[in-house]
N, C-alpha and C. Protein backbone atom coordinates (compact mmCIF):
# COMPACT_ATOMS: atom_id res chain seq x y z
N GLU A 1 -88.47 -70.60 41.05
CA GLU A 1 -89.96 -70.07 42.40
C GLU A 1 -90.69 -69.14 41.10
N ILE A 2 -90.68 -69.00 40.21
CA ILE A 2 -91.94 -68.64 39.51
C ILE A 2 -92.97 -69.69 39.25
N SER A 3 -92.34 -71.50 39.09
CA SER A 3 -92.36 -72.31 38.67
C SER A 3 -93.42 -72.47 39.28
N ASP A 4 -93.83 -72.38 40.83
CA ASP A 4 -94.21 -72.91 42.29
C ASP A 4 -95.49 -72.61 42.16
N ILE A 5 -95.79 -70.90 41.89
CA ILE A 5 -96.67 -70.11 41.66
C ILE A 5 -97.45 -70.77 41.40
N SER A 6 -98.73 -70.79 42.68
CA SER A 6 -100.34 -71.01 41.97
C SER A 6 -101.07 -70.22 41.36
N ASN A 7 -101.07 -68.83 41.21
CA ASN A 7 -101.82 -67.69 40.62
C ASN A 7 -101.14 -67.86 39.38
N PRO A 8 -102.30 -67.97 38.45
CA PRO A 8 -101.87 -67.97 37.12
C PRO A 8 -101.21 -66.32 36.42
N HIS A 9 -102.30 -65.03 36.95
CA HIS A 9 -102.50 -64.25 37.14
C HIS A 9 -100.42 -63.58 37.72
N ILE A 10 -99.80 -64.06 38.48
CA ILE A 10 -99.44 -63.65 39.71
C ILE A 10 -97.80 -64.32 38.13
N LYS A 11 -98.29 -65.71 37.82
CA LYS A 11 -97.24 -66.08 37.49
C LYS A 11 -96.95 -65.46 36.29
N LEU A 12 -97.87 -65.06 35.10
CA LEU A 12 -97.71 -64.18 33.61
C LEU A 12 -97.43 -63.49 34.14
N LEU A 13 -97.29 -62.19 34.99
CA LEU A 13 -96.65 -61.27 35.54
C LEU A 13 -95.28 -61.29 35.82
N LEU A 14 -94.88 -62.10 36.13
CA LEU A 14 -93.65 -62.59 36.88
C LEU A 14 -92.86 -62.58 35.54
N GLU A 15 -93.46 -63.44 34.88
CA GLU A 15 -92.64 -64.97 33.36
C GLU A 15 -92.81 -63.40 32.26
N SER A 16 -93.51 -62.69 32.74
CA SER A 16 -93.42 -61.50 31.34
C SER A 16 -91.91 -60.86 31.89
N PHE A 17 -91.51 -60.52 32.82
CA PHE A 17 -90.29 -59.87 33.31
C PHE A 17 -89.27 -61.68 33.07
N SER A 18 -89.38 -62.32 33.16
CA SER A 18 -88.08 -63.55 33.33
C SER A 18 -88.25 -63.81 32.14
N ASN A 19 -89.12 -63.60 31.05
CA ASN A 19 -89.20 -64.73 29.45
C ASN A 19 -88.14 -63.45 28.83
N ASP A 20 -88.05 -62.17 29.44
CA ASP A 20 -87.44 -60.53 28.46
C ASP A 20 -85.41 -60.87 28.75
N ASP A 21 -85.06 -61.49 27.86
CA ASP A 21 -83.63 -61.58 28.42
C ASP A 21 -82.81 -60.26 28.49
N GLU A 22 -83.22 -59.22 27.50
CA GLU A 22 -82.77 -58.23 28.55
C GLU A 22 -82.50 -57.11 29.49
N PHE A 23 -83.77 -57.66 29.88
CA PHE A 23 -84.06 -57.18 31.32
C PHE A 23 -83.22 -58.39 32.27
N MET A 24 -83.55 -59.24 32.02
CA MET A 24 -82.65 -60.01 32.79
C MET A 24 -81.01 -60.20 33.23
N LYS A 25 -80.66 -59.56 32.26
CA LYS A 25 -79.49 -60.36 31.95
C LYS A 25 -79.39 -58.59 33.12
N LYS A 26 -80.05 -56.92 32.84
CA LYS A 26 -80.31 -56.02 33.75
C LYS A 26 -80.43 -56.48 35.02
N PHE A 27 -81.34 -57.17 35.49
CA PHE A 27 -81.68 -57.74 36.84
C PHE A 27 -80.73 -57.97 37.51
N SER A 28 -79.67 -59.41 36.77
CA SER A 28 -79.06 -59.98 37.64
C SER A 28 -77.79 -59.33 37.60
N ARG A 29 -77.54 -58.18 37.01
CA ARG A 29 -76.11 -57.37 37.54
C ARG A 29 -76.77 -56.22 38.57
N ALA A 30 -77.99 -56.37 38.55
CA ALA A 30 -78.45 -55.11 39.51
C ALA A 30 -77.55 -55.18 40.85
N PRO A 31 -77.01 -53.92 41.16
CA PRO A 31 -76.83 -53.76 43.02
C PRO A 31 -78.54 -53.66 43.69
N ALA A 32 -78.25 -53.56 44.95
CA ALA A 32 -79.58 -53.45 45.80
C ALA A 32 -79.77 -52.46 46.42
N ALA A 33 -78.37 -51.92 46.14
CA ALA A 33 -78.19 -49.73 46.50
C ALA A 33 -76.60 -49.54 46.47
N LYS A 34 -76.40 -48.18 46.52
CA LYS A 34 -75.21 -47.81 46.32
C LYS A 34 -74.52 -47.87 47.44
N LYS A 35 -75.05 -47.83 48.81
CA LYS A 35 -74.58 -47.95 49.86
C LYS A 35 -74.89 -48.82 50.77
N MET A 36 -76.27 -48.85 51.29
CA MET A 36 -77.01 -48.95 52.43
C MET A 36 -76.78 -50.90 52.53
N HIS A 37 -76.95 -51.97 51.48
CA HIS A 37 -76.88 -53.23 52.10
C HIS A 37 -77.33 -53.54 50.19
N HIS A 38 -76.53 -54.99 50.30
CA HIS A 38 -76.32 -55.59 48.97
C HIS A 38 -75.59 -54.69 47.50
N ASN A 39 -74.98 -53.68 47.85
CA ASN A 39 -74.62 -52.86 47.33
C ASN A 39 -73.05 -53.37 46.55
N PHE A 40 -73.19 -54.15 45.41
CA PHE A 40 -72.66 -54.87 44.64
C PHE A 40 -73.30 -55.68 43.74
N VAL A 41 -72.19 -55.71 42.37
CA VAL A 41 -73.67 -56.59 41.33
C VAL A 41 -73.44 -57.49 41.43
N GLY A 42 -75.24 -57.64 41.60
CA GLY A 42 -75.92 -59.45 41.88
C GLY A 42 -76.17 -59.16 42.98
N GLY A 43 -76.05 -57.64 43.67
CA GLY A 43 -76.63 -57.98 44.96
C GLY A 43 -78.67 -57.99 45.32
N LEU A 44 -78.71 -57.26 44.46
CA LEU A 44 -80.32 -57.35 44.11
C LEU A 44 -81.11 -58.94 44.18
N LEU A 45 -80.47 -59.43 43.14
CA LEU A 45 -80.58 -60.98 42.71
C LEU A 45 -80.58 -61.64 44.14
N GLU A 46 -79.40 -61.36 45.21
CA GLU A 46 -79.59 -61.77 46.77
C GLU A 46 -80.30 -61.74 47.39
N HIS A 47 -80.76 -60.13 47.67
CA HIS A 47 -81.33 -59.80 48.39
C HIS A 47 -83.15 -60.81 48.14
N VAL A 48 -83.10 -60.76 47.10
CA VAL A 48 -84.26 -61.17 46.27
C VAL A 48 -84.92 -62.74 47.03
N LEU A 49 -83.64 -63.16 46.67
CA LEU A 49 -83.48 -65.01 46.91
C LEU A 49 -83.96 -65.13 49.16
N ASN A 50 -83.37 -63.95 49.39
CA ASN A 50 -83.60 -63.82 50.48
C ASN A 50 -84.50 -63.95 51.42
N LEU A 51 -85.49 -62.79 50.50
CA LEU A 51 -86.82 -62.35 50.51
C LEU A 51 -87.78 -63.43 50.56
N ILE A 52 -87.48 -64.16 49.98
CA ILE A 52 -88.30 -65.66 49.38
C ILE A 52 -88.56 -66.70 50.55
N ALA A 53 -87.17 -66.43 50.96
CA ALA A 53 -87.09 -67.46 51.52
C ALA A 53 -87.39 -67.29 53.14
N ALA A 54 -86.93 -66.06 53.48
CA ALA A 54 -87.95 -65.52 54.41
C ALA A 54 -89.51 -65.16 54.54
N SER A 55 -90.12 -64.88 53.13
CA SER A 55 -91.46 -65.07 52.88
C SER A 55 -92.07 -66.36 53.31
N LYS A 56 -91.11 -67.60 53.01
CA LYS A 56 -91.73 -68.77 53.07
C LYS A 56 -91.95 -69.01 54.26
N THR A 57 -90.81 -68.61 55.19
CA THR A 57 -90.78 -69.21 56.75
C THR A 57 -91.97 -68.13 57.54
N ILE A 58 -92.09 -67.33 56.60
CA ILE A 58 -92.88 -65.88 58.14
C ILE A 58 -94.12 -66.68 57.41
N GLN A 59 -94.85 -66.85 56.42
CA GLN A 59 -95.76 -67.66 56.22
C GLN A 59 -96.30 -69.32 56.23
N SER A 60 -95.31 -69.93 56.64
CA SER A 60 -95.49 -70.80 57.57
C SER A 60 -96.04 -70.59 58.67
N SER A 61 -95.98 -69.50 59.48
CA SER A 61 -96.47 -68.94 60.49
C SER A 61 -97.76 -68.52 60.77
N HIS A 62 -98.13 -68.08 59.51
CA HIS A 62 -98.89 -67.10 59.66
C HIS A 62 -99.58 -67.61 58.09
N PRO A 63 -100.29 -68.76 58.00
CA PRO A 63 -100.19 -69.30 56.61
C PRO A 63 -101.54 -68.69 56.38
N GLU A 64 -102.27 -67.34 56.76
CA GLU A 64 -103.09 -66.81 56.33
C GLU A 64 -102.80 -65.71 55.11
N LEU A 65 -101.29 -65.80 55.28
CA LEU A 65 -100.68 -64.82 54.30
C LEU A 65 -100.98 -65.53 52.61
N ASP A 66 -101.11 -64.69 51.93
CA ASP A 66 -100.81 -65.17 50.28
C ASP A 66 -99.68 -65.60 50.30
N LEU A 67 -98.94 -66.70 50.18
CA LEU A 67 -97.31 -66.87 49.65
C LEU A 67 -97.19 -66.13 48.16
N ASP A 68 -97.77 -66.58 47.31
CA ASP A 68 -98.01 -66.10 46.36
C ASP A 68 -97.47 -64.71 46.15
N LEU A 69 -98.10 -63.67 46.57
CA LEU A 69 -97.87 -62.50 46.38
C LEU A 69 -96.73 -61.76 47.25
N LEU A 70 -96.85 -62.46 47.93
CA LEU A 70 -95.24 -62.52 49.13
C LEU A 70 -93.62 -62.48 48.21
N ILE A 71 -94.16 -63.75 47.43
CA ILE A 71 -93.34 -64.40 46.44
C ILE A 71 -92.97 -62.80 45.38
N ALA A 72 -94.42 -62.77 44.90
CA ALA A 72 -94.35 -61.61 43.94
C ALA A 72 -93.78 -60.68 44.42
N ALA A 73 -94.07 -60.46 45.72
CA ALA A 73 -93.50 -58.93 46.37
C ALA A 73 -92.06 -58.64 46.52
N SER A 74 -91.33 -59.92 46.55
CA SER A 74 -90.06 -60.02 47.06
C SER A 74 -89.40 -59.93 45.32
N ILE A 75 -89.74 -60.40 44.28
CA ILE A 75 -89.43 -60.23 42.90
C ILE A 75 -89.74 -58.93 42.58
N LEU A 76 -90.35 -58.18 42.91
CA LEU A 76 -91.10 -57.04 41.87
C LEU A 76 -90.72 -55.99 42.82
N HIS A 77 -90.84 -55.93 44.39
CA HIS A 77 -90.58 -54.44 44.68
C HIS A 77 -89.02 -53.84 44.53
N ASP A 78 -88.55 -54.14 44.21
CA ASP A 78 -86.83 -53.29 43.81
C ASP A 78 -86.45 -53.34 42.52
N ILE A 79 -87.77 -53.84 41.76
CA ILE A 79 -87.48 -53.99 40.56
C ILE A 79 -87.03 -52.49 39.42
N GLY A 80 -87.10 -51.68 40.68
CA GLY A 80 -87.25 -50.53 39.59
C GLY A 80 -85.31 -50.05 39.36
N LYS A 81 -84.91 -50.65 40.35
CA LYS A 81 -83.49 -50.64 40.93
C LYS A 81 -82.93 -51.14 39.11
N VAL A 82 -83.20 -51.73 38.52
CA VAL A 82 -82.62 -51.94 37.14
C VAL A 82 -82.33 -50.56 36.75
N ASP A 83 -83.49 -49.85 36.98
CA ASP A 83 -83.33 -48.65 36.35
C ASP A 83 -82.58 -47.26 36.94
N GLU A 84 -82.36 -47.45 38.21
CA GLU A 84 -82.03 -46.25 39.18
C GLU A 84 -80.44 -46.50 39.10
N TYR A 85 -80.09 -47.40 38.85
CA TYR A 85 -77.68 -47.87 39.10
C TYR A 85 -78.04 -47.71 37.57
N ASP A 86 -76.62 -47.47 37.56
CA ASP A 86 -75.91 -47.25 36.11
C ASP A 86 -74.66 -48.86 36.66
N VAL A 87 -74.13 -49.21 36.47
CA VAL A 87 -73.31 -50.34 36.94
C VAL A 87 -72.39 -50.49 35.92
N GLY A 88 -71.05 -49.74 36.39
CA GLY A 88 -70.00 -50.14 35.53
C GLY A 88 -68.37 -50.49 36.51
N LEU A 89 -67.38 -49.91 36.60
CA LEU A 89 -66.72 -50.28 37.26
C LEU A 89 -66.92 -49.72 38.83
N LYS A 90 -68.10 -48.78 38.80
CA LYS A 90 -68.49 -47.68 40.28
C LYS A 90 -69.86 -48.17 39.49
N ILE A 91 -71.07 -48.41 40.85
CA ILE A 91 -72.46 -48.59 41.03
C ILE A 91 -72.18 -46.56 41.00
N GLU A 92 -73.22 -46.20 39.95
CA GLU A 92 -73.68 -44.64 40.15
C GLU A 92 -75.34 -45.00 39.97
N ILE A 93 -75.85 -43.76 40.33
CA ILE A 93 -77.42 -43.14 40.32
C ILE A 93 -77.19 -42.67 38.94
N SER A 94 -77.87 -43.40 38.53
CA SER A 94 -78.50 -42.88 36.32
C SER A 94 -79.36 -41.48 36.85
N ASP A 95 -79.59 -41.13 35.76
CA ASP A 95 -80.67 -39.82 35.53
C ASP A 95 -81.70 -40.38 36.07
N GLN A 96 -82.58 -41.71 35.80
CA GLN A 96 -83.36 -41.71 35.94
C GLN A 96 -84.02 -41.85 37.50
N GLY A 97 -82.93 -42.18 37.96
CA GLY A 97 -82.73 -43.00 39.42
C GLY A 97 -82.68 -41.39 40.43
N ARG A 98 -81.68 -40.49 39.62
CA ARG A 98 -82.18 -39.30 40.08
C ARG A 98 -83.57 -38.22 40.07
N PHE A 99 -84.14 -38.79 38.75
CA PHE A 99 -85.46 -38.40 38.70
C PHE A 99 -86.66 -38.67 39.29
N TYR A 100 -86.41 -39.94 39.50
CA TYR A 100 -87.76 -40.64 39.87
C TYR A 100 -87.92 -41.46 40.58
N GLY A 101 -86.75 -42.17 41.27
CA GLY A 101 -85.77 -42.98 42.27
C GLY A 101 -86.71 -44.54 41.88
N HIS A 102 -86.36 -45.53 42.64
CA HIS A 102 -86.79 -47.03 41.99
C HIS A 102 -88.21 -47.27 42.61
N ILE A 103 -88.29 -46.89 43.57
CA ILE A 103 -90.20 -47.08 43.75
C ILE A 103 -90.72 -46.65 42.66
N SER A 104 -90.98 -45.45 42.48
CA SER A 104 -91.47 -44.52 40.86
C SER A 104 -91.01 -45.48 39.51
N ILE A 105 -89.71 -45.82 39.60
CA ILE A 105 -89.44 -46.92 38.08
C ILE A 105 -90.10 -48.08 38.29
N GLY A 106 -90.01 -48.68 39.27
CA GLY A 106 -90.69 -49.79 39.76
C GLY A 106 -92.29 -50.04 39.38
N TYR A 107 -93.03 -49.03 40.12
CA TYR A 107 -94.25 -48.95 39.55
C TYR A 107 -94.67 -48.97 38.46
N ARG A 108 -94.45 -47.93 37.73
CA ARG A 108 -94.52 -48.06 36.06
C ARG A 108 -94.46 -49.34 35.26
N LEU A 109 -93.11 -49.84 35.68
CA LEU A 109 -92.41 -50.91 35.25
C LEU A 109 -93.67 -52.23 35.27
N VAL A 110 -93.81 -52.37 36.62
CA VAL A 110 -95.15 -53.45 37.02
C VAL A 110 -96.16 -52.83 36.45
N ALA A 111 -96.81 -51.51 36.43
CA ALA A 111 -98.22 -51.27 36.18
C ALA A 111 -98.21 -51.51 34.75
N SER A 112 -97.39 -51.16 33.72
CA SER A 112 -97.06 -51.59 32.47
C SER A 112 -97.24 -52.65 32.26
N LYS A 113 -96.68 -53.84 33.05
CA LYS A 113 -96.61 -55.11 32.43
C LYS A 113 -97.95 -55.42 32.52
N ILE A 114 -98.80 -55.26 33.49
CA ILE A 114 -99.79 -55.83 34.53
C ILE A 114 -100.91 -55.38 33.00
N GLU A 115 -100.60 -54.09 32.45
CA GLU A 115 -101.89 -53.58 31.56
C GLU A 115 -101.96 -54.14 30.36
N GLU A 116 -100.59 -55.49 29.72
CA GLU A 116 -100.52 -55.81 28.78
C GLU A 116 -101.28 -57.49 29.10
N ILE A 117 -101.74 -57.60 30.26
CA ILE A 117 -102.13 -59.21 30.71
C ILE A 117 -103.59 -59.06 30.70
N SER A 118 -104.25 -59.78 29.98
CA SER A 118 -105.56 -59.27 29.91
C SER A 118 -106.79 -59.85 31.34
N ASP A 119 -107.61 -59.55 31.69
CA ASP A 119 -108.16 -59.89 32.66
C ASP A 119 -107.49 -59.97 33.93
N PHE A 120 -106.59 -58.96 34.39
CA PHE A 120 -105.73 -59.31 35.31
C PHE A 120 -106.62 -58.44 36.53
N PRO A 121 -106.87 -59.41 37.66
CA PRO A 121 -107.80 -58.99 38.62
C PRO A 121 -107.25 -57.44 39.52
N LYS A 122 -108.38 -56.29 39.11
CA LYS A 122 -108.40 -55.10 39.87
C LYS A 122 -107.81 -55.03 40.81
N ASP A 123 -108.21 -56.21 41.87
CA ASP A 123 -107.94 -56.35 43.27
C ASP A 123 -106.48 -56.78 43.50
N LEU A 124 -106.29 -57.23 42.65
CA LEU A 124 -104.49 -58.21 43.00
C LEU A 124 -103.48 -57.44 42.24
N GLU A 125 -103.85 -56.52 41.07
CA GLU A 125 -103.07 -55.23 40.55
C GLU A 125 -103.28 -53.94 41.14
N MET A 126 -103.95 -53.86 42.26
CA MET A 126 -103.76 -52.63 43.72
C MET A 126 -103.16 -53.44 44.48
N LYS A 127 -103.11 -54.74 45.40
CA LYS A 127 -101.98 -54.93 45.86
C LYS A 127 -100.96 -55.02 45.36
N ILE A 128 -100.68 -55.69 44.80
CA ILE A 128 -99.58 -55.82 43.96
C ILE A 128 -98.45 -54.10 43.84
N LEU A 129 -99.47 -53.50 43.24
CA LEU A 129 -98.30 -51.91 43.13
C LEU A 129 -98.74 -51.08 44.64
N HIS A 130 -99.66 -51.63 45.62
CA HIS A 130 -99.27 -50.76 46.85
C HIS A 130 -98.07 -51.88 47.25
N ILE A 131 -97.86 -52.83 46.98
CA ILE A 131 -96.81 -53.38 47.83
C ILE A 131 -95.80 -52.82 47.36
N ILE A 132 -95.18 -52.05 46.57
CA ILE A 132 -94.54 -51.67 45.71
C ILE A 132 -93.94 -50.71 46.37
N LEU A 133 -95.36 -49.75 46.25
CA LEU A 133 -95.32 -48.23 46.79
C LEU A 133 -94.96 -47.93 48.51
N SER A 134 -95.38 -48.84 48.98
CA SER A 134 -95.44 -49.15 50.37
C SER A 134 -94.01 -49.47 51.24
N HIS A 135 -93.62 -50.39 50.66
CA HIS A 135 -92.34 -51.28 50.89
C HIS A 135 -91.08 -50.75 52.15
N HIS A 136 -91.13 -49.35 52.19
CA HIS A 136 -89.96 -48.61 52.69
C HIS A 136 -91.04 -48.70 54.25
N GLY A 137 -92.02 -48.78 54.10
CA GLY A 137 -92.62 -48.35 55.47
C GLY A 137 -93.27 -47.13 55.80
N GLU A 138 -92.56 -46.55 55.61
CA GLU A 138 -93.05 -44.81 55.83
C GLU A 138 -92.76 -43.84 55.15
N LYS A 139 -93.58 -42.94 55.08
CA LYS A 139 -93.69 -41.51 53.85
C LYS A 139 -91.78 -41.10 54.39
N GLN A 140 -91.19 -41.40 55.50
CA GLN A 140 -90.09 -40.38 55.63
C GLN A 140 -88.81 -41.51 55.45
N HIS A 141 -89.00 -42.65 55.05
CA HIS A 141 -88.37 -43.51 53.77
C HIS A 141 -88.61 -43.47 52.96
N GLY A 142 -89.44 -43.05 52.00
CA GLY A 142 -89.30 -42.80 50.49
C GLY A 142 -90.83 -43.65 50.48
N SER A 143 -91.38 -43.89 50.81
CA SER A 143 -92.55 -44.59 50.36
C SER A 143 -93.97 -43.59 50.66
N PRO A 144 -94.82 -43.34 49.03
CA PRO A 144 -95.49 -42.77 49.42
C PRO A 144 -96.53 -42.76 50.16
N ILE A 145 -96.90 -44.13 50.09
CA ILE A 145 -98.23 -44.48 50.90
C ILE A 145 -97.47 -45.54 52.21
N GLU A 146 -98.16 -46.02 53.28
CA GLU A 146 -97.70 -46.59 54.24
C GLU A 146 -98.14 -48.30 54.14
N PRO A 147 -98.33 -49.41 54.48
CA PRO A 147 -98.64 -50.67 54.43
C PRO A 147 -99.87 -50.78 54.67
N LEU A 148 -100.74 -51.52 54.43
CA LEU A 148 -102.31 -51.08 54.36
C LEU A 148 -103.46 -52.61 54.78
N PHE A 149 -102.26 -53.73 54.43
CA PHE A 149 -103.06 -54.72 54.78
C PHE A 149 -101.55 -55.59 55.09
N ALA A 150 -101.98 -56.58 55.33
CA ALA A 150 -101.53 -58.18 56.28
C ALA A 150 -100.28 -58.16 55.52
N GLU A 151 -100.05 -59.03 53.61
CA GLU A 151 -98.90 -59.09 53.33
C GLU A 151 -98.27 -57.63 53.31
N ALA A 152 -98.37 -56.63 52.89
CA ALA A 152 -97.77 -55.04 53.02
C ALA A 152 -96.85 -55.31 53.69
N VAL A 153 -98.01 -55.41 55.29
CA VAL A 153 -96.88 -55.27 56.47
C VAL A 153 -96.03 -55.83 56.53
N ALA A 154 -96.11 -57.54 56.22
CA ALA A 154 -95.24 -58.58 56.61
C ALA A 154 -94.01 -58.16 55.41
N PHE A 155 -94.20 -58.06 54.58
CA PHE A 155 -93.41 -57.90 53.52
C PHE A 155 -92.24 -56.60 53.58
N HIS A 156 -93.08 -55.89 54.55
CA HIS A 156 -91.89 -54.01 54.78
C HIS A 156 -91.28 -54.87 55.81
N ASN A 157 -91.64 -55.19 56.53
CA ASN A 157 -91.05 -56.01 57.61
C ASN A 157 -90.16 -57.03 57.42
N ILE A 158 -90.07 -57.92 56.14
CA ILE A 158 -89.47 -58.46 55.64
C ILE A 158 -88.06 -58.04 54.98
N ASP A 159 -88.31 -57.21 54.16
CA ASP A 159 -86.99 -56.39 53.42
C ASP A 159 -86.73 -55.39 54.31
N LYS A 160 -87.12 -54.54 55.42
CA LYS A 160 -86.16 -54.38 56.40
C LYS A 160 -85.16 -54.98 57.29
N THR A 161 -86.07 -56.22 57.31
CA THR A 161 -84.96 -57.27 58.56
C THR A 161 -84.05 -57.65 57.28
N ASP A 162 -84.11 -58.08 56.09
CA ASP A 162 -82.80 -58.51 55.24
C ASP A 162 -81.83 -57.31 55.18
N ALA A 163 -82.62 -55.93 54.97
CA ALA A 163 -81.75 -55.60 54.67
C ALA A 163 -80.70 -54.79 55.80
N ASN A 164 -81.15 -54.58 56.22
CA ASN A 164 -80.27 -54.49 58.13
C ASN A 164 -79.04 -55.29 58.71
N ILE A 165 -79.98 -56.12 58.42
CA ILE A 165 -78.24 -57.52 58.68
C ILE A 165 -77.97 -57.14 57.78
N GLN A 166 -77.62 -57.44 56.40
CA GLN A 166 -76.90 -57.35 55.28
C GLN A 166 -76.25 -55.86 55.60
N ASN A 167 -76.73 -54.80 56.10
CA ASN A 167 -75.76 -53.95 56.34
C ASN A 167 -74.75 -54.35 57.17
N VAL A 168 -75.28 -54.66 58.45
CA VAL A 168 -74.10 -55.10 59.62
C VAL A 168 -73.58 -55.74 59.19
N LYS A 169 -73.43 -56.72 58.75
CA LYS A 169 -72.62 -57.95 57.88
C LYS A 169 -70.91 -56.94 57.12
N GLN A 170 -72.07 -56.10 55.98
CA GLN A 170 -70.92 -55.44 55.33
C GLN A 170 -70.20 -54.38 56.08
N THR A 171 -70.94 -53.68 57.07
CA THR A 171 -70.10 -52.89 58.01
C THR A 171 -69.28 -52.84 59.06
N VAL A 172 -69.17 -55.06 59.49
CA VAL A 172 -68.41 -55.16 59.84
C VAL A 172 -67.53 -55.82 58.97
N GLN A 173 -67.42 -56.45 58.19
CA GLN A 173 -66.86 -56.93 57.29
C GLN A 173 -65.87 -56.18 56.12
N ASN A 174 -66.53 -55.03 56.48
CA ASN A 174 -65.51 -54.21 55.25
C ASN A 174 -64.59 -53.19 55.97
N ASP A 175 -64.42 -53.16 57.63
CA ASP A 175 -63.66 -53.01 58.73
C ASP A 175 -62.05 -53.28 58.91
N ASN A 176 -61.27 -52.90 58.40
CA ASN A 176 -60.45 -54.01 58.90
C ASN A 176 -59.14 -53.46 59.78
N GLN A 177 -59.88 -52.77 60.59
CA GLN A 177 -59.17 -52.37 61.98
C GLN A 177 -59.21 -53.50 63.17
N ASN A 178 -58.53 -53.28 64.00
CA ASN A 178 -58.74 -54.50 65.20
C ASN A 178 -59.22 -53.79 66.13
N ARG A 179 -60.49 -53.92 66.29
CA ARG A 179 -61.27 -52.95 67.48
C ARG A 179 -62.41 -54.19 67.35
N ASP A 180 -63.03 -53.86 68.82
CA ASP A 180 -64.50 -54.12 68.76
C ASP A 180 -65.80 -53.54 68.27
N TRP A 181 -65.49 -52.26 68.08
CA TRP A 181 -66.77 -51.81 67.79
C TRP A 181 -66.34 -51.29 66.51
N ILE A 182 -67.59 -50.75 65.47
CA ILE A 182 -66.89 -49.91 64.65
C ILE A 182 -68.18 -48.85 64.19
N TRP A 183 -68.21 -48.03 63.99
CA TRP A 183 -68.97 -47.06 63.85
C TRP A 183 -70.15 -46.85 62.47
N ASP A 184 -71.19 -46.91 62.29
CA ASP A 184 -71.75 -46.86 60.80
C ASP A 184 -72.49 -45.64 60.80
N ASP A 185 -72.01 -44.80 59.44
CA ASP A 185 -72.29 -43.73 59.30
C ASP A 185 -73.66 -43.64 58.59
N LEU A 186 -74.24 -44.47 58.33
CA LEU A 186 -75.67 -45.18 57.09
C LEU A 186 -76.66 -44.42 58.90
N GLN A 187 -76.54 -45.87 59.51
CA GLN A 187 -77.73 -46.25 61.12
C GLN A 187 -77.17 -44.87 61.99
N LYS A 188 -76.38 -44.20 61.75
CA LYS A 188 -75.43 -43.50 62.82
C LYS A 188 -75.69 -44.54 63.93
N LYS A 189 -74.42 -45.16 64.39
CA LYS A 189 -74.88 -45.52 65.56
C LYS A 189 -73.68 -46.96 65.55
N PHE A 190 -73.14 -47.48 66.52
CA PHE A 190 -71.83 -48.59 66.82
C PHE A 190 -72.48 -49.79 66.46
N PHE A 191 -71.28 -50.76 65.87
CA PHE A 191 -72.10 -52.28 66.15
C PHE A 191 -70.90 -53.35 66.44
N TYR A 192 -71.13 -53.64 67.80
CA TYR A 192 -70.00 -55.03 68.05
C TYR A 192 -69.73 -56.10 66.78
N LYS A 193 -68.06 -55.95 66.94
CA LYS A 193 -67.87 -56.88 65.72
C LYS A 193 -67.59 -58.38 66.07
N LYS A 194 -67.23 -58.61 67.67
CA LYS A 194 -67.04 -60.00 68.16
C LYS A 194 -67.91 -60.73 67.92
């Protein structure tokens, strides 16, 4: 996907992560969550690929949206999860994860990579970092700021949609009882299984 990026600054930023073998080893194993969705080894990568596909679909209906920015958001929004979780026999929240959370960790990781790229446009830096900070959509859901431009709004909704669909799928798949409805403790509602 990085080779498809036409914006040279976004391409450099994404390559600064993809060319780091140690980082990529952690990124490819990271879960997207401990409980809610894609909560398995490699779950983050699956989530990212779903978001890229959804971003392309949304952008085809709204061609004024910057697809390079949406793809960057898909790859970078949860990048802090590589340090938020310890992946062993079980997925545990790390000390960094408890102290800072993945949004703060991701903001710091991406901001420090941007600083290493000379002449990175300030407006683009603000947009990328804003999407990381706002991707949960609302302050009560952990975002320090709410989405403030079209790509940020689009990305929040793309991310939320994939997470919610995956949560329902996992809730239904993990229920081994023969019944039509299952209660989900995280979303506090019943889901129909058939």
